[in-house]
Protein backbone atom coordinates (compact mmCIF):
# COMPACT_ATOMS: atom_id res chain seq x y z
CA UNK A 1 13.20 1.80 -10.09
CA UNK A 2 10.58 2.41 -12.75
CA UNK A 3 10.04 0.35 -15.87
CA UNK A 4 7.30 0.17 -18.46
CA UNK A 5 5.43 -2.44 -16.44
CA UNK A 6 6.12 -0.93 -13.03
CA UNK A 7 6.37 2.58 -11.53
CA UNK A 8 7.58 3.50 -8.07
CA UNK A 9 5.79 6.18 -6.04
CA UNK A 10 8.29 7.52 -3.48
CA UNK A 11 6.93 10.25 -1.21
CA UNK A 12 9.33 11.93 1.21
CA UNK A 13 8.98 13.52 4.62
CA UNK A 14 5.59 13.57 6.30
CA UNK A 15 2.20 12.49 5.00
CA UNK A 16 -0.34 14.12 7.27
CA UNK A 17 -3.42 16.31 7.19
CA UNK A 18 -1.53 19.22 5.64
CA UNK A 19 -0.50 17.37 2.49
CA UNK A 20 -2.65 14.23 2.35
CA UNK A 21 -4.98 15.59 -0.34
CA UNK A 22 -2.06 16.51 -2.62
CA UNK A 23 -0.39 13.14 -2.01
CA UNK A 24 -3.66 11.32 -2.76
CA UNK A 25 -4.09 13.27 -6.00
CA UNK A 26 -0.53 12.43 -7.09
CA UNK A 27 -0.88 8.75 -6.17
CA UNK A 28 -4.21 8.39 -7.98
CA UNK A 29 -2.60 9.99 -11.05
CA UNK A 30 0.03 7.24 -10.87
CA UNK A 31 -2.77 4.67 -10.85
CA UNK A 32 -4.42 6.35 -13.84
CA UNK A 33 -1.15 6.34 -15.81
CA UNK A 34 -1.91 2.91 -17.24
CA UNK A 35 1.12 1.28 -15.65
CA UNK A 36 0.03 -2.22 -14.63
CA UNK A 37 1.98 -2.24 -11.38
CA UNK A 38 2.61 0.50 -8.82
CA UNK A 39 5.10 0.13 -5.97
CA UNK A 40 4.77 2.52 -3.04
CA UNK A 41 8.16 3.07 -1.40
CA UNK A 42 7.67 4.62 2.05
CA UNK A 43 11.32 4.33 3.10
CA UNK A 44 11.77 8.13 2.98
CA UNK A 45 8.54 8.90 4.85
CA UNK A 46 9.29 10.13 8.36
CA UNK A 47 5.70 10.23 9.62
CA UNK A 48 2.42 8.78 8.38
CA UNK A 49 -0.70 10.09 10.13
CA UNK A 50 -4.17 8.60 9.93
CA UNK A 51 -4.80 10.99 7.01
CA UNK A 52 -1.76 9.50 5.28
CA UNK A 53 -2.96 5.98 5.97
CA UNK A 54 -6.30 6.92 4.42
CA UNK A 55 -4.44 7.96 1.24
CA UNK A 56 -2.95 4.45 1.01
CA UNK A 57 -6.34 2.82 1.62
CA UNK A 58 -8.02 4.98 -1.05
CA UNK A 59 -5.27 4.04 -3.51
CA UNK A 60 -5.61 0.34 -2.68
CA UNK A 61 -9.36 0.50 -3.21
CA UNK A 62 -8.93 2.35 -6.53
CA UNK A 63 -6.33 -0.19 -7.64
CA UNK A 64 -8.64 -3.11 -6.89
CA UNK A 65 -11.48 -1.43 -8.79
CA UNK A 66 -9.27 -1.21 -11.90
CA UNK A 67 -8.24 -4.90 -11.72
């Protein structure tokens, strides 16, 4: 559920080395959208590789830098 104060990022399928860069770019765009709160819903993600985990860590670091 997305509202003005919160947006939900809901990737689907796999997040691995083949699509991690695209997922990171999309997630960082969410962070740059000006929405004060981002929720990352991983319920539809079947597999998260170390490259996918790195995407989440990069986003967390970027989020903290904006706070």
